[in-house]
Amino acid sequence: MNLTITHYNNFFKVTGILNRHTIDVFQQEFQDVFERLASVTISIEGLESIDKDGVKALAKLHNESIARNKQLSIIGFGCKDLYDHFKASDAA
């Protein structure tokens, strides 16, 4: 399954597989998103799987939101690897 990203205003729904093969679609969709929007909500409920490259892409988006002083919310039950990555970042 490919990666599909739909959005309405500042709410984005990501479905499919986020891995090294589909990372370009994700990066293209969220390129310069914080120049257009003050807050972004991403639902990862529809993700079937995510690899380390997908986690890195979400982490990069998170870091960009902090650097630009913008709000990023990632909602939904997603991959345990993603949860562990952000939990470890909070602890550090």
Protein backbone atom coordinates (compact mmCIF):
# COMPACT_ATOMS: atom_id res chain seq x y z
CA MET A 1 0.00 0.00 0.00
CA ASN A 2 1.20 3.48 -0.81
CA LEU A 3 1.15 6.52 1.43
CA THR A 4 -1.88 8.79 1.19
CA ILE A 5 -2.14 12.19 2.84
CA THR A 6 -5.41 14.08 2.90
CA HIS A 7 -6.02 17.37 4.60
CA TYR A 8 -8.60 19.93 5.49
CA ASN A 9 -7.31 23.27 6.75
CA ASN A 10 -4.60 22.35 9.28
CA PHE A 11 -5.68 18.72 9.90
CA PHE A 12 -3.73 16.07 7.97
CA LYS A 13 -4.63 12.38 7.84
CA VAL A 14 -1.80 10.01 6.93
CA THR A 15 -2.73 6.48 5.80
CA GLY A 16 -0.77 3.58 4.39
CA ILE A 17 2.89 2.85 4.89
CA LEU A 18 5.48 5.48 5.80
CA ASN A 19 8.88 4.06 4.89
CA ARG A 20 11.94 4.90 2.82
CA HIS A 21 10.00 4.26 -0.38
CA THR A 22 7.19 6.70 0.46
CA ILE A 23 9.13 9.31 2.44
CA ASP A 24 9.32 11.66 -0.57
CA VAL A 25 5.52 11.96 -0.67
CA PHE A 26 5.47 12.84 3.04
CA GLN A 27 8.29 15.38 2.78
CA GLN A 28 6.77 17.03 -0.28
CA GLU A 29 3.37 17.40 1.42
CA PHE A 30 4.84 18.97 4.56
CA GLN A 31 7.51 21.08 2.87
CA ASP A 32 7.07 24.68 4.05
CA VAL A 33 3.88 23.76 5.95
CA PHE A 34 4.84 26.04 8.84
CA GLU A 35 5.15 29.01 6.51
CA ARG A 36 1.46 28.60 5.64
CA LEU A 37 0.02 27.42 8.97
CA ALA A 38 0.56 28.33 12.63
CA SER A 39 -0.57 24.93 13.87
CA VAL A 40 -0.66 21.50 12.29
CA THR A 41 -2.40 18.33 13.45
CA ILE A 42 -1.39 15.00 11.93
CA SER A 43 -3.47 11.87 12.47
CA ILE A 44 -1.38 8.70 12.19
CA GLU A 45 -4.32 6.44 13.02
CA GLY A 46 -4.36 5.11 9.46
CA LEU A 47 -0.68 4.19 9.28
CA GLU A 48 -0.23 0.46 8.80
CA SER A 49 3.52 0.61 9.40
CA ILE A 50 6.40 3.02 9.74
CA ASP A 51 10.13 2.41 9.52
CA LYS A 52 13.07 4.34 10.96
CA ASP A 53 13.07 6.75 8.00
CA GLY A 54 9.42 7.57 8.63
CA VAL A 55 10.14 8.18 12.30
CA LYS A 56 13.01 10.47 11.31
CA ALA A 57 10.72 12.42 8.96
CA LEU A 58 8.18 13.00 11.73
CA ALA A 59 10.96 13.93 14.16
CA LYS A 60 12.34 16.41 11.63
CA LEU A 61 8.89 17.97 11.27
CA HIS A 62 8.64 18.14 15.07
CA ASN A 63 12.04 19.86 15.31
CA GLU A 64 11.03 22.34 12.61
CA SER A 65 7.87 23.21 14.54
CA ILE A 66 9.95 23.94 17.64
CA ALA A 67 12.48 26.02 15.71
CA ARG A 68 9.71 28.10 14.11
CA ASN A 69 7.70 28.32 17.33
CA LYS A 70 4.71 26.62 15.69
CA GLN A 71 2.36 24.01 17.11
CA LEU A 72 2.50 20.39 15.90
CA SER A 73 0.16 17.70 17.23
CA ILE A 74 0.49 14.05 16.26
CA ILE A 75 -2.63 12.12 17.21
CA GLY A 76 -3.86 8.55 16.97
CA PHE A 77 -2.50 5.17 17.87
CA GLY A 78 0.48 4.68 15.64
CA CYS A 79 3.58 2.61 15.60
CA LYS A 80 5.31 1.77 18.89
CA ASP A 81 8.66 2.88 17.42
CA LEU A 82 7.30 6.38 16.90
CA TYR A 83 5.92 6.54 20.43
CA ASP A 84 9.22 5.29 21.87
CA HIS A 85 11.22 7.85 19.88
CA PHE A 86 9.28 10.83 21.19
CA LYS A 87 9.09 9.39 24.72
CA ALA A 88 12.90 9.04 24.75
CA SER A 89 13.25 12.62 23.47
CA ASP A 90 11.07 13.90 26.34
CA ALA A 91 13.15 12.01 28.89
CA ALA A 92 16.44 13.40 27.56
